PDB file of N, CA and C in Angstrom:
ATOM      1  N   MET A   1      83.158  89.363  22.754  1.00  0.00           N
ATOM      2  CA  MET A   1      82.033  90.088  23.142  1.00  0.00           C
ATOM      3  C   MET A   1      82.310  90.839  24.328  1.00  0.00           C
ATOM      4  N   SER A   2      81.705  92.194  23.830  1.00  0.00           N
ATOM      5  CA  SER A   2      81.909  93.276  24.911  1.00  0.00           C
ATOM      6  C   SER A   2      80.792  93.457  25.692  1.00  0.00           C
ATOM      7  N   ARG A   3      80.824  93.905  27.014  1.00  0.00           N
ATOM      8  CA  ARG A   3      79.890  94.136  27.904  1.00  0.00           C
ATOM      9  C   ARG A   3      79.832  95.659  28.429  1.00  0.00           C
ATOM     10  N   ASP A   4      79.777  96.580  27.572  1.00  0.00           N
ATOM     11  CA  ASP A   4      79.826  97.863  27.690  1.00  0.00           C
ATOM     12  C   ASP A   4      78.272  98.403  28.153  1.00  0.00           C
ATOM     13  N   VAL A   5      78.361  98.560  29.656  1.00  0.00           N
ATOM     14  CA  VAL A   5      76.935  99.001  30.175  1.00  0.00           C
ATOM     15  C   VAL A   5      77.166 100.520  30.335  1.00  0.00           C
ATOM     16  N   PRO A   6      75.986 101.239  29.895  1.00  0.00           N
ATOM     17  CA  PRO A   6      75.716 102.593  29.837  1.00  0.00           C
ATOM     18  C   PRO A   6      76.036 103.123  31.345  1.00  0.00           C
ATOM     19  N   ARG A   7      76.612 104.311  31.564  1.00  0.00           N
ATOM     20  CA  ARG A   7      77.021 104.731  32.879  1.00  0.00           C
ATOM     21  C   ARG A   7      75.708 105.153  33.822  1.00  0.00           C
ATOM     22  N   GLU A   8      74.682 105.434  33.121  1.00  0.00           N
ATOM     23  CA  GLU A   8      73.211 105.702  33.958  1.00  0.00           C
ATOM     24  C   GLU A   8      72.718 104.238  34.384  1.00  0.00           C
ATOM     25  N   LEU A   9      73.207 103.135  33.833  1.00  0.00           N
ATOM     26  CA  LEU A   9      72.496 101.889  34.237  1.00  0.00           C
ATOM     27  C   LEU A   9      73.509 101.083  35.354  1.00  0.00           C
ATOM     28  N   TRP A  10      74.760 101.999  35.754  1.00  0.00           N
ATOM     29  CA  TRP A  10      75.648 101.189  36.723  1.00  0.00           C
ATOM     30  C   TRP A  10      74.921 101.224  38.121  1.00  0.00           C
ATOM     31  N   LEU A  11      75.302 100.171  38.878  1.00  0.00           N
ATOM     32  CA  LEU A  11      74.685  99.992  40.280  1.00  0.00           C
ATOM     33  C   LEU A  11      75.170 101.040  41.211  1.00  0.00           C
ATOM     34  N   TYR A  12      76.474 101.180  40.955  1.00  0.00           N
ATOM     35  CA  TYR A  12      76.937 102.399  41.862  1.00  0.00           C
ATOM     36  C   TYR A  12      78.052 103.006  41.133  1.00  0.00           C
ATOM     37  N   ASP A  13      78.450 104.178  41.537  1.00  0.00           N
ATOM     38  CA  ASP A  13      79.336 105.113  40.680  1.00  0.00           C
ATOM     39  C   ASP A  13      80.815 104.669  41.052  1.00  0.00           C
ATOM     40  N   ASP A  14      81.254 103.954  39.888  1.00  0.00           N
ATOM     41  CA  ASP A  14      82.587 103.427  40.073  1.00  0.00           C
ATOM     42  C   ASP A  14      83.663 104.599  40.029  1.00  0.00           C
ATOM     43  N   ARG A  15      84.165 104.862  41.148  1.00  0.00           N
ATOM     44  CA  ARG A  15      85.496 105.874  40.983  1.00  0.00           C
ATOM     45  C   ARG A  15      86.706 105.263  41.152  1.00  0.00           C
ATOM     46  N   CYS A  16      86.790 103.958  40.768  1.00  0.00           N
ATOM     47  CA  CYS A  16      88.074 103.056  40.792  1.00  0.00           C
ATOM     48  C   CYS A  16      88.692 102.981  42.035  1.00  0.00           C
ATOM     49  N   MET A  17      87.545 103.101  43.155  1.00  0.00           N
ATOM     50  CA  MET A  17      88.352 102.927  44.431  1.00  0.00           C
ATOM     51  C   MET A  17      87.504 101.570  45.220  1.00  0.00           C
ATOM     52  N   MET A  18      86.243 101.172  44.910  1.00  0.00           N
ATOM     53  CA  MET A  18      85.451 100.153  45.291  1.00  0.00           C
ATOM     54  C   MET A  18      86.392  98.838  45.329  1.00  0.00           C
ATOM     55  N   LYS A  19      86.942  98.614  44.194  1.00  0.00           N
ATOM     56  CA  LYS A  19      87.699  97.354  43.924  1.00  0.00           C
ATOM     57  C   LYS A  19      88.916  97.194  44.714  1.00  0.00           C
ATOM     58  N   TRP A  20      89.504  98.307  45.376  1.00  0.00           N
ATOM     59  CA  TRP A  20      90.702  98.216  46.276  1.00  0.00           C
ATOM     60  C   TRP A  20      90.424  98.172  47.520  1.00  0.00           C
ATOM     61  N   MET A  21      89.113  98.301  48.005  1.00  0.00           N
ATOM     62  CA  MET A  21      88.793  98.056  49.607  1.00  0.00           C
ATOM     63  C   MET A  21      89.129  96.859  50.139  1.00  0.00           C
ATOM     64  N   GLY A  22      89.026  95.593  49.561  1.00  0.00           N
ATOM     65  CA  GLY A  22      89.410  94.524  50.143  1.00  0.00           C
ATOM     66  C   GLY A  22      90.802  94.409  50.388  1.00  0.00           C
ATOM     67  N   TRP A  23      91.738  94.987  49.605  1.00  0.00           N
ATOM     68  CA  TRP A  23      92.990  94.980  49.629  1.00  0.00           C
ATOM     69  C   TRP A  23      93.532  95.814  50.836  1.00  0.00           C
ATOM     70  N   ILE A  24      92.862  96.993  50.883  1.00  0.00           N
ATOM     71  CA  ILE A  24      93.294  97.884  51.972  1.00  0.00           C
ATOM     72  C   ILE A  24      93.012  97.244  53.237  1.00  0.00           C
ATOM     73  N   LEU A  25      91.685  96.815  53.354  1.00  0.00           N
ATOM     74  CA  LEU A  25      91.328  96.108  54.593  1.00  0.00           C
ATOM     75  C   LEU A  25      92.186  94.878  55.087  1.00  0.00           C
ATOM     76  N   SER A  26      92.657  94.144  54.085  1.00  0.00           N
ATOM     77  CA  SER A  26      93.593  93.048  54.571  1.00  0.00           C
ATOM     78  C   SER A  26      94.696  93.559  54.999  1.00  0.00           C
ATOM     79  N   ASP A  27      95.482  94.557  54.476  1.00  0.00           N
ATOM     80  CA  ASP A  27      96.544  95.170  54.914  1.00  0.00           C
ATOM     81  C   ASP A  27      96.439  95.811  56.143  1.00  0.00           C
ATOM     82  N   HIS A  28      95.218  96.526  56.511  1.00  0.00           N
ATOM     83  CA  HIS A  28      95.052  96.970  57.769  1.00  0.00           C
ATOM     84  C   HIS A  28      94.942  95.849  58.914  1.00  0.00           C
ATOM     85  N   SER A  29      94.141  94.747  58.453  1.00  0.00           N
ATOM     86  CA  SER A  29      94.117  93.738  59.624  1.00  0.00           C
ATOM     87  C   SER A  29      95.405  93.128  59.605  1.00  0.00           C
ATOM     88  N   ALA A  30      96.234  92.786  58.836  1.00  0.00           N
ATOM     89  CA  ALA A  30      97.597  92.298  59.117  1.00  0.00           C
ATOM     90  C   ALA A  30      98.423  93.164  59.829  1.00  0.00           C
ATOM     91  N   TYR A  31      98.403  94.653  59.759  1.00  0.00           N
ATOM     92  CA  TYR A  31      99.048  95.591  60.537  1.00  0.00           C
ATOM     93  C   TYR A  31      98.580  95.508  61.928  1.00  0.00           C
ATOM     94  N   MET A  32      97.279  95.281  62.153  1.00  0.00           N
ATOM     95  CA  MET A  32      96.617  95.251  63.583  1.00  0.00           C
ATOM     96  C   MET A  32      97.124  94.040  64.289  1.00  0.00           C
ATOM     97  N   GLU A  33      97.097  92.853  63.561  1.00  0.00           N
ATOM     98  CA  GLU A  33      97.609  91.497  64.125  1.00  0.00           C
ATOM     99  C   GLU A  33      99.029  91.742  64.689  1.00  0.00           C
ATOM    100  N   LYS A  34      99.931  92.289  63.821  1.00  0.00           N
ATOM    101  CA  LYS A  34     101.368  92.382  64.089  1.00  0.00           C
ATOM    102  C   LYS A  34     101.402  93.306  65.318  1.00  0.00           C
ATOM    103  N   GLU A  35     100.670  94.496  65.410  1.00  0.00           N
ATOM    104  CA  GLU A  35     100.805  95.413  66.477  1.00  0.00           C
ATOM    105  C   GLU A  35     100.216  94.616  67.853  1.00  0.00           C
ATOM    106  N   ALA A  36      99.207  93.938  67.704  1.00  0.00           N
ATOM    107  CA  ALA A  36      98.768  93.049  68.937  1.00  0.00           C
ATOM    108  C   ALA A  36      99.893  92.216  69.424  1.00  0.00           C
ATOM    109  N   ARG A  37     100.635  91.567  68.399  1.00  0.00           N
ATOM    110  CA  ARG A  37     101.607  90.699  68.962  1.00  0.00           C
ATOM    111  C   ARG A  37     102.652  91.399  69.712  1.00  0.00           C
ATOM    112  N   THR A  38     102.953  92.552  69.227  1.00  0.00           N
ATOM    113  CA  THR A  38     104.174  93.258  69.872  1.00  0.00           C
ATOM    114  C   THR A  38     104.037  94.041  71.124  1.00  0.00           C
ATOM    115  N   ASN A  39     102.590  94.166  71.519  1.00  0.00           N
ATOM    116  CA  ASN A  39     102.041  94.668  72.628  1.00  0.00           C
ATOM    117  C   ASN A  39     101.701  93.743  73.589  1.00  0.00           C
ATOM    118  N   ILE A  40     102.001  92.408  73.531  1.00  0.00           N
ATOM    119  CA  ILE A  40     101.689  91.288  74.396  1.00  0.00           C
ATOM    120  C   ILE A  40     102.513  91.587  75.872  1.00  0.00           C
ATOM    121  N   PRO A  41     101.723  91.467  76.795  1.00  0.00           N
ATOM    122  CA  PRO A  41     102.339  91.620  78.109  1.00  0.00           C
ATOM    123  C   PRO A  41     103.577  90.470  78.337  1.00  0.00           C
ATOM    124  N   ALA A  42     104.520  91.103  79.000  1.00  0.00           N
ATOM    125  CA  ALA A  42     105.721  90.073  79.247  1.00  0.00           C
ATOM    126  C   ALA A  42     105.936  89.819  80.721  1.00  0.00           C
ATOM    127  N   GLU A  43     106.259  88.658  80.885  1.00  0.00           N
ATOM    128  CA  GLU A  43     106.935  88.469  82.301  1.00  0.00           C
ATOM    129  C   GLU A  43     108.197  89.203  82.516  1.00  0.00           C
ATOM    130  N   PRO A  44     108.163  89.915  83.759  1.00  0.00           N
ATOM    131  CA  PRO A  44     109.277  90.595  84.234  1.00  0.00           C
ATOM    132  C   PRO A  44     110.577  89.898  84.356  1.00  0.00           C
ATOM    133  N   GLN A  45     111.571  90.434  83.650  1.00  0.00           N
ATOM    134  CA  GLN A  45     112.862  89.728  83.795  1.00  0.00           C
ATOM    135  C   GLN A  45     113.556  90.144  84.960  1.00  0.00           C
ATOM    136  N   ALA A  46     114.667  89.761  85.470  1.00  0.00           N
ATOM    137  CA  ALA A  46     115.444  90.114  86.553  1.00  0.00           C
ATOM    138  C   ALA A  46     116.045  91.620  86.407  1.00  0.00           C
ATOM    139  N   GLU A  47     115.683  92.229  87.302  1.00  0.00           N
ATOM    140  CA  GLU A  47     116.073  93.731  87.129  1.00  0.00           C
ATOM    141  C   GLU A  47     117.874  93.607  87.256  1.00  0.00           C
ATOM    142  N   GLN A  48     118.268  94.494  86.204  1.00  0.00           N
ATOM    143  CA  GLN A  48     119.758  94.550  86.320  1.00  0.00           C
ATOM    144  C   GLN A  48     120.313  95.885  86.599  1.00  0.00           C
ATOM    145  N   SER A  49     121.548  96.095  87.152  1.00  0.00           N
ATOM    146  CA  SER A  49     122.055  97.241  87.655  1.00  0.00           C
ATOM    147  C   SER A  49     122.344  98.286  86.149  1.00  0.00           C
ATOM    148  N   TYR A  50     122.322  99.408  86.582  1.00  0.00           N
ATOM    149  CA  TYR A  50     122.790 100.257  85.320  1.00  0.00           C
ATOM    150  C   TYR A  50     123.917 100.402  84.838  1.00  0.00           C
ATOM    151  N   ALA A  51     124.990  99.898  85.666  1.00  0.00           N
ATOM    152  CA  ALA A  51     126.423  99.635  85.165  1.00  0.00           C
ATOM    153  C   ALA A  51     126.366  98.442  84.219  1.00  0.00           C
ATOM    154  N   LEU A  52     125.691  97.287  84.517  1.00  0.00           N
ATOM    155  CA  LEU A  52     125.584  96.078  83.816  1.00  0.00           C
ATOM    156  C   LEU A  52     124.916  96.430  82.530  1.00  0.00           C
ATOM    157  N   ILE A  53     123.800  97.079  82.379  1.00  0.00           N
ATOM    158  CA  ILE A  53     123.088  97.498  81.269  1.00  0.00           C
ATOM    159  C   ILE A  53     123.960  98.255  80.540  1.00  0.00           C
ATOM    160  N   ASN A  54     124.448  99.307  80.974  1.00  0.00           N
ATOM    161  CA  ASN A  54     125.292 100.166  80.240  1.00  0.00           C
ATOM    162  C   ASN A  54     126.252  99.506  79.453  1.00  0.00           C
ATOM    163  N   THR A  55     127.094  98.591  80.153  1.00  0.00           N
ATOM    164  CA  THR A  55     128.199  97.922  79.736  1.00  0.00           C
ATOM    165  C   THR A  55     127.680  96.944  78.657  1.00  0.00           C
ATOM    166  N   ARG A  56     126.673  96.323  78.714  1.00  0.00           N
ATOM    167  CA  ARG A  56     126.133  95.317  77.690  1.00  0.00           C
ATOM    168  C   ARG A  56     125.697  96.171  76.308  1.00  0.00           C
ATOM    169  N   VAL A  57     125.046  97.309  76.602  1.00  0.00           N
ATOM    170  CA  VAL A  57     124.817  98.158  75.366  1.00  0.00           C
ATOM    171  C   VAL A  57     126.043  98.783  74.919  1.00  0.00           C
ATOM    172  N   GLN A  58     126.946  99.188  75.591  1.00  0.00           N
ATOM    173  CA  GLN A  58     128.262  99.585  74.760  1.00  0.00           C
ATOM    174  C   GLN A  58     128.905  98.467  74.127  1.00  0.00           C
ATOM    175  N   GLU A  59     129.091  97.373  74.709  1.00  0.00           N
ATOM    176  CA  GLU A  59     129.632  96.078  73.887  1.00  0.00           C
ATOM    177  C   GLU A  59     128.822  95.875  72.768  1.00  0.00           C
ATOM    178  N   ALA A  60     127.542  95.835  72.801  1.00  0.00           N
ATOM    179  CA  ALA A  60     126.792  95.559  71.446  1.00  0.00           C
ATOM    180  C   ALA A  60     126.968  96.723  70.410  1.00  0.00           C
ATOM    181  N   TRP A  61     126.973  97.837  70.922  1.00  0.00           N
ATOM    182  CA  TRP A  61     127.201  98.962  69.849  1.00  0.00           C
ATOM    183  C   TRP A  61     128.600  98.824  69.287  1.00  0.00           C
ATOM    184  N   GLU A  62     129.673  98.662  70.001  1.00  0.00           N
ATOM    185  CA  GLU A  62     130.921  98.630  69.429  1.00  0.00           C
ATOM    186  C   GLU A  62     131.071  97.416  68.618  1.00  0.00           C
ATOM    187  N   ASN A  63     130.325  96.337  68.711  1.00  0.00           N
ATOM    188  CA  ASN A  63     130.718  94.932  68.062  1.00  0.00           C
ATOM    189  C   ASN A  63     129.584  94.816  67.094  1.00  0.00           C
ATOM    190  N   GLY A  64     128.434  95.574  67.119  1.00  0.00           N
ATOM    191  CA  GLY A  64     127.304  95.341  66.125  1.00  0.00           C
ATOM    192  C   GLY A  64     126.503  93.905  66.696  1.00  0.00           C
ATOM    193  N   LEU A  65     126.275  93.836  67.922  1.00  0.00           N
ATOM    194  CA  LEU A  65     125.671  92.576  68.328  1.00  0.00           C
ATOM    195  C   LEU A  65     123.915  92.918  68.391  1.00  0.00           C
ATOM    196  N   VAL A  66     123.264  91.810  68.582  1.00  0.00           N
ATOM    197  CA  VAL A  66     121.794  91.820  68.668  1.00  0.00           C
ATOM    198  C   VAL A  66     121.488  91.820  70.160  1.00  0.00           C
ATOM    199  N   LEU A  67     120.537  92.620  70.519  1.00  0.00           N
ATOM    200  CA  LEU A  67     120.130  92.813  71.960  1.00  0.00           C
ATOM    201  C   LEU A  67     118.636  92.449  71.987  1.00  0.00           C
ATOM    202  N   SER A  68     118.202  92.098  73.375  1.00  0.00           N
ATOM    203  CA  SER A  68     117.100  92.099  73.610  1.00  0.00           C
ATOM    204  C   SER A  68     116.874  93.177  74.829  1.00  0.00           C
ATOM    205  N   VAL A  69     116.048  94.037  74.793  1.00  0.00           N
ATOM    206  CA  VAL A  69     115.916  95.024  75.757  1.00  0.00           C
ATOM    207  C   VAL A  69     114.525  95.134  76.354  1.00  0.00           C
ATOM    208  N   GLN A  70     114.396  95.017  77.667  1.00  0.00           N
ATOM    209  CA  GLN A  70     113.229  95.114  78.361  1.00  0.00           C
ATOM    210  C   GLN A  70     113.033  96.488  79.007  1.00  0.00           C
ATOM    211  N   SER A  71     112.063  97.177  78.792  1.00  0.00           N
ATOM    212  CA  SER A  71     112.019  98.562  79.456  1.00  0.00           C
ATOM    213  C   SER A  71     111.373  98.502  80.790  1.00  0.00           C
ATOM    214  N   ASN A  72     111.647  99.109  81.584  1.00  0.00           N
ATOM    215  CA  ASN A  72     111.003  99.452  82.952  1.00  0.00           C
ATOM    216  C   ASN A  72     109.833 100.022  83.087  1.00  0.00           C
ATOM    217  N   VAL A  73     109.033 100.131  82.059  1.00  0.00           N
ATOM    218  CA  VAL A  73     107.841 100.837  81.904  1.00  0.00           C
ATOM    219  C   VAL A  73     106.710  99.779  81.910  1.00  0.00           C
ATOM    220  N   ILE A  74     105.575 100.160  83.030  1.00  0.00           N
ATOM    221  CA  ILE A  74     104.571  99.304  83.301  1.00  0.00           C
ATOM    222  C   ILE A  74     103.441  99.918  82.209  1.00  0.00           C
ATOM    223  N   ALA A  75     102.843  99.062  81.689  1.00  0.00           N
ATOM    224  CA  ALA A  75     101.603  99.448  80.911  1.00  0.00           C
ATOM    225  C   ALA A  75     100.235  98.561  81.283  1.00  0.00           C
ATOM    226  N   ASP A  76      99.271  99.067  81.562  1.00  0.00           N
ATOM    227  CA  ASP A  76      98.081  97.948  81.984  1.00  0.00           C
ATOM    228  C   ASP A  76      98.358  97.159  83.070  1.00  0.00           C
ATOM    229  N   GLY A  77      99.533  97.400  83.989  1.00  0.00           N
ATOM    230  CA  GLY A  77      99.839  96.440  84.904  1.00  0.00           C
ATOM    231  C   GLY A  77     100.886  95.433  84.550  1.00  0.00           C
ATOM    232  N   HIS A  78     101.281  95.455  83.441  1.00  0.00           N
ATOM    233  CA  HIS A  78     102.417  94.594  82.992  1.00  0.00           C
ATOM    234  C   HIS A  78     103.373  95.243  82.193  1.00  0.00           C
ATOM    235  N   TYR A  79     104.592  94.539  82.215  1.00  0.00           N
ATOM    236  CA  TYR A  79     105.662  95.079  81.401  1.00  0.00           C
ATOM    237  C   TYR A  79     105.469  94.687  79.953  1.00  0.00           C
ATOM    238  N   LEU A  80     106.135  95.773  79.203  1.00  0.00           N
ATOM    239  CA  LEU A  80     105.973  95.355  77.703  1.00  0.00           C
ATOM    240  C   LEU A  80     106.847  94.413  77.330  1.00  0.00           C
ATOM    241  N   ALA A  81     106.588  93.925  76.222  1.00  0.00           N
ATOM    242  CA  ALA A  81     107.503  92.754  75.574  1.00  0.00           C
ATOM    243  C   ALA A  81     108.824  93.366  75.382  1.00  0.00           C
ATOM    244  N   PRO A  82     109.916  92.539  75.396  1.00  0.00           N
ATOM    245  CA  PRO A  82     111.324  93.238  74.947  1.00  0.00           C
ATOM    246  C   PRO A  82     111.372  93.533  73.600  1.00  0.00           C
ATOM    247  N   ILE A  83     112.306  94.410  73.314  1.00  0.00           N
ATOM    248  CA  ILE A  83     112.621  94.904  71.845  1.00  0.00           C
ATOM    249  C   ILE A  83     113.850  94.134  71.416  1.00  0.00           C
ATOM    250  N   GLU A  84     113.602  93.464  70.252  1.00  0.00           N
ATOM    251  CA  GLU A  84     115.096  92.861  69.894  1.00  0.00           C
ATOM    252  C   GLU A  84     115.442  93.343  68.559  1.00  0.00           C
ATOM    253  N   GLY A  85     116.734  93.706  68.382  1.00  0.00           N
ATOM    254  CA  GLY A  85     117.263  94.293  67.379  1.00  0.00           C
ATOM    255  C   GLY A  85     118.976  94.433  67.555  1.00  0.00           C
ATOM    256  N   ALA A  86     119.493  94.785  66.181  1.00  0.00           N
ATOM    257  CA  ALA A  86     120.817  95.108  66.274  1.00  0.00           C
ATOM    258  C   ALA A  86     121.077  96.457  66.566  1.00  0.00           C
ATOM    259  N   CYS A  87     122.344  96.696  67.572  1.00  0.00           N
ATOM    260  CA  CYS A  87     122.331  98.008  68.252  1.00  0.00           C
ATOM    261  C   CYS A  87     123.082  98.806  67.083  1.00  0.00           C
ATOM    262  N   VAL A  88     122.464  99.868  66.593  1.00  0.00           N
ATOM    263  CA  VAL A  88     123.119 100.780  65.736  1.00  0.00           C
ATOM    264  C   VAL A  88     123.492 101.869  66.197  1.00  0.00           C
ATOM    265  N   GLY A  89     123.306 102.275  67.470  1.00  0.00           N
ATOM    266  CA  GLY A  89     123.629 103.686  67.708  1.00  0.00           C
ATOM    267  C   GLY A  89     123.650 103.775  69.386  1.00  0.00           C
ATOM    268  N   LEU A  90     124.337 104.694  69.667  1.00  0.00           N
ATOM    269  CA  LEU A  90     124.332 104.863  71.358  1.00  0.00           C
ATOM    270  C   LEU A  90     124.742 106.444  71.468  1.00  0.00           C
ATOM    271  N   ALA A  91     123.929 107.219  72.167  1.00  0.00           N
ATOM    272  CA  ALA A  91     124.304 108.653  72.247  1.00  0.00           C
ATOM    273  C   ALA A  91     123.487 109.219  73.414  1.00  0.00           C
ATOM    274  N   ASP A  92     124.036 109.833  74.201  1.00  0.00           N
ATOM    275  CA  ASP A  92     123.240 110.715  75.331  1.00  0.00           C
ATOM    276  C   ASP A  92     122.349 109.895  76.047  1.00  0.00           C
ATOM    277  N   GLY A  93     122.773 108.736  76.655  1.00  0.00           N
ATOM    278  CA  GLY A  93     121.978 107.915  77.482  1.00  0.00           C
ATOM    279  C   GLY A  93     120.877 107.303  76.545  1.00  0.00           C
ATOM    280  N   GLN A  94     120.854 107.301  75.256  1.00  0.00           N
ATOM    281  CA  GLN A  94     119.661 106.628  74.517  1.00  0.00           C
ATOM    282  C   GLN A  94     120.404 105.572  73.587  1.00  0.00           C
ATOM    283  N   GLY A  95     119.776 104.226  73.424  1.00  0.00           N
ATOM    284  CA  GLY A  95     120.208 103.298  72.551  1.00  0.00           C
ATOM    285  C   GLY A  95     119.260 103.246  71.353  1.00  0.00           C
ATOM    286  N   TYR A  96     119.799 102.616  70.311  1.00  0.00           N
ATOM    287  CA  TYR A  96     119.037 102.686  69.131  1.00  0.00           C
ATOM    288  C   TYR A  96     119.261 101.196  68.451  1.00  0.00           C
ATOM    289  N   LEU A  97     118.053 100.409  68.240  1.00  0.00           N
ATOM    290  CA  LEU A  97     118.050  99.143  67.845  1.00  0.00           C
ATOM    291  C   LEU A  97     117.347  99.125  66.404  1.00  0.00           C
ATOM    292  N   GLN A  98     118.044  98.322  65.555  1.00  0.00           N
ATOM    293  CA  GLN A  98     117.177  98.256  64.079  1.00  0.00           C
ATOM    294  C   GLN A  98     116.755  96.853  64.357  1.00  0.00           C
ATOM    295  N   THR A  99     115.449  96.702  64.125  1.00  0.00           N
ATOM    296  CA  THR A  99     114.513  95.529  64.324  1.00  0.00           C
ATOM    297  C   THR A  99     114.455  94.886  63.126  1.00  0.00           C
ATOM    298  N   LYS A 100     113.836  93.493  63.096  1.00  0.00           N
ATOM    299  CA  LYS A 100     113.914  92.676  61.969  1.00  0.00           C
ATOM    300  C   LYS A 100     113.306  93.293  60.791  1.00  0.00           C
ATOM    301  N   ASP A 101     112.235  94.057  61.074  1.00  0.00           N
ATOM    302  CA  ASP A 101     111.556  94.782  59.852  1.00  0.00           C
ATOM    303  C   ASP A 101     112.245  96.039  59.389  1.00  0.00           C
ATOM    304  N   GLY A 102     113.368  96.495  59.871  1.00  0.00           N
ATOM    305  CA  GLY A 102     113.962  97.568  59.246  1.00  0.00           C
ATOM    306  C   GLY A 102     113.839  98.801  59.933  1.00  0.00           C
ATOM    307  N   ARG A 103     112.976  98.995  61.043  1.00  0.00           N
ATOM    308  CA  ARG A 103     112.613 100.086  61.811  1.00  0.00           C
ATOM    309  C   ARG A 103     113.789 100.298  62.820  1.00  0.00           C
ATOM    310  N   VAL A 104     114.024 101.548  63.073  1.00  0.00           N
ATOM    311  CA  VAL A 104     114.977 101.986  64.143  1.00  0.00           C
ATOM    312  C   VAL A 104     114.244 102.063  65.471  1.00  0.00           C
ATOM    313  N   ARG A 105     114.316 101.527  66.552  1.00  0.00           N
ATOM    314  CA  ARG A 105     113.639 101.873  67.998  1.00  0.00           C
ATOM    315  C   ARG A 105     114.701 102.569  68.831  1.00  0.00           C
ATOM    316  N   ALA A 106     114.245 103.546  69.322  1.00  0.00           N
ATOM    317  CA  ALA A 106     115.107 104.096  70.606  1.00  0.00           C
ATOM    318  C   ALA A 106     114.722 103.609  71.902  1.00  0.00           C
ATOM    319  N   PHE A 107     115.668 103.713  72.807  1.00  0.00           N
ATOM    320  CA  PHE A 107     115.293 103.246  74.084  1.00  0.00           C
ATOM    321  C   PHE A 107     116.189 104.108  75.044  1.00  0.00           C
ATOM    322  N   ASN A 108     115.569 104.507  76.151  1.00  0.00           N
ATOM    323  CA  ASN A 108     116.464 105.190  77.210  1.00  0.00           C
ATOM    324  C   ASN A 108     117.067 104.173  78.168  1.00  0.00           C
ATOM    325  N   ILE A 109     118.363 104.188  78.291  1.00  0.00           N
ATOM    326  CA  ILE A 109     119.121 103.197  78.969  1.00  0.00           C
ATOM    327  C   ILE A 109     118.711 103.510  80.567  1.00  0.00           C
ATOM    328  N   ALA A 110     118.535 104.618  81.107  1.00  0.00           N
ATOM    329  CA  ALA A 110     117.980 104.684  82.445  1.00  0.00           C
ATOM    330  C   ALA A 110     116.524 104.156  82.584  1.00  0.00           C
ATOM    331  N   ASP A 111     115.754 103.846  81.686  1.00  0.00           N
ATOM    332  CA  ASP A 111     114.430 103.425  82.015  1.00  0.00           C
ATOM    333  C   ASP A 111     114.411 101.764  81.459  1.00  0.00           C
ATOM    334  N   THR A 112     115.731 101.230  81.399  1.00  0.00           N
ATOM    335  CA  THR A 112     115.683  99.884  80.870  1.00  0.00           C
ATOM    336  C   THR A 112     115.789  98.939  82.214  1.00  0.00           C
ATOM    337  N   ARG A 113     115.150  97.919  82.221  1.00  0.00           N
ATOM    338  CA  ARG A 113     114.972  96.756  83.335  1.00  0.00           C
ATOM    339  C   ARG A 113     116.012  95.721  83.004  1.00  0.00           C
ATOM    340  N   HIS A 114     116.361  95.253  81.767  1.00  0.00           N
ATOM    341  CA  HIS A 114     117.080  93.980  81.581  1.00  0.00           C
ATOM    342  C   HIS A 114     117.411  94.154  80.180  1.00  0.00           C
ATOM    343  N   VAL A 115     118.791  93.732  79.925  1.00  0.00           N
ATOM    344  CA  VAL A 115     119.293  93.466  78.542  1.00  0.00           C
ATOM    345  C   VAL A 115     119.914  92.166  78.282  1.00  0.00           C
ATOM    346  N   ASP A 116     119.885  91.817  77.432  1.00  0.00           N
ATOM    347  CA  ASP A 116     120.560  90.266  77.027  1.00  0.00           C
ATOM    348  C   ASP A 116     121.142  90.561  75.568  1.00  0.00           C
ATOM    349  N   ILE A 117     122.244  89.918  75.452  1.00  0.00           N
ATOM    350  CA  ILE A 117     122.962  89.733  74.142  1.00  0.00           C
ATOM    351  C   ILE A 117     122.578  88.639  73.562  1.00  0.00           C
ATOM    352  N   LEU A 118     121.925  88.661  72.313  1.00  0.00           N
ATOM    353  CA  LEU A 118     121.411  87.450  71.623  1.00  0.00           C
ATOM    354  C   LEU A 118     122.268  86.966  70.664  1.00  0.00           C
ATOM    355  N   GLN A 119     122.451  85.672  70.294  1.00  0.00           N
ATOM    356  CA  GLN A 119     122.991  85.155  69.166  1.00  0.00           C
ATOM    357  C   GLN A 119     122.232  85.486  67.981  1.00  0.00           C
ATOM    358  N   PRO A 120     122.833  86.058  66.869  1.00  0.00           N
ATOM    359  CA  PRO A 120     122.355  86.491  65.700  1.00  0.00           C
ATOM    360  C   PRO A 120     121.900  85.013  64.896  1.00  0.00           C
ATOM    361  N   GLU A 121     120.612  85.173  64.242  1.00  0.00           N
ATOM    362  CA  GLU A 121     120.077  84.103  63.646  1.00  0.00           C
ATOM    363  C   GLU A 121     120.904  83.933  62.191  1.00  0.00           C
ATOM    364  N   LYS A 122     121.246  82.816  61.823  1.00  0.00           N
ATOM    365  CA  LYS A 122     122.007  82.768  60.618  1.00  0.00           C
ATOM    366  C   LYS A 122     121.239  81.918  59.601  1.00  0.00           C
ATOM    367  N   TRP A 123     121.091  82.301  58.562  1.00  0.00           N
ATOM    368  CA  TRP A 123     120.017  81.770  57.570  1.00  0.00           C
ATOM    369  C   TRP A 123     120.619  80.489  57.103  1.00  0.00           C
ATOM    370  N   TRP A 124     121.850  80.039  57.208  1.00  0.00           N
ATOM    371  CA  TRP A 124     122.219  78.828  56.839  1.00  0.00           C
ATOM    372  C   TRP A 124     122.301  77.894  57.755  1.00  0.00           C
ATOM    373  N   ALA A 125     121.881  78.237  59.121  1.00  0.00           N
ATOM    374  CA  ALA A 125     122.175  77.241  60.191  1.00  0.00           C
ATOM    375  C   ALA A 125     120.808  76.586  60.297  1.00  0.00           C
ATOM    376  N   ALA A 126     119.493  76.965  59.548  1.00  0.00           N
ATOM    377  CA  ALA A 126     118.451  76.194  59.772  1.00  0.00           C
ATOM    378  C   ALA A 126     118.188  74.951  59.050  1.00  0.00           C
TER     379      ALA A 126
END
């Protein structure tokens, strides 16, 4: 049985877009939730010296280690949450971390408050 309705009796002009709106909205909602989690204010970690920060970043870059980097930048009266990722680059006072989602995030070593070397998660350790 076929239900072919003549175009003049349609309730709305289907341009093959209306049926996708729910999917687009859910993708946008997921993106906004993820961004809200990344911009959560964090407790300030102990401030480290420039020499210690530089040494840890250099070690992580040479050995491909995972870092947690908290910036010294204050937004809305709070420090931003630390960035975690594998150190994939170091040049001209800038460090580069590859996060779990595959993005590469740059940070200025001079504007860094605290750096920790993390133990990478092993999928077989769970």
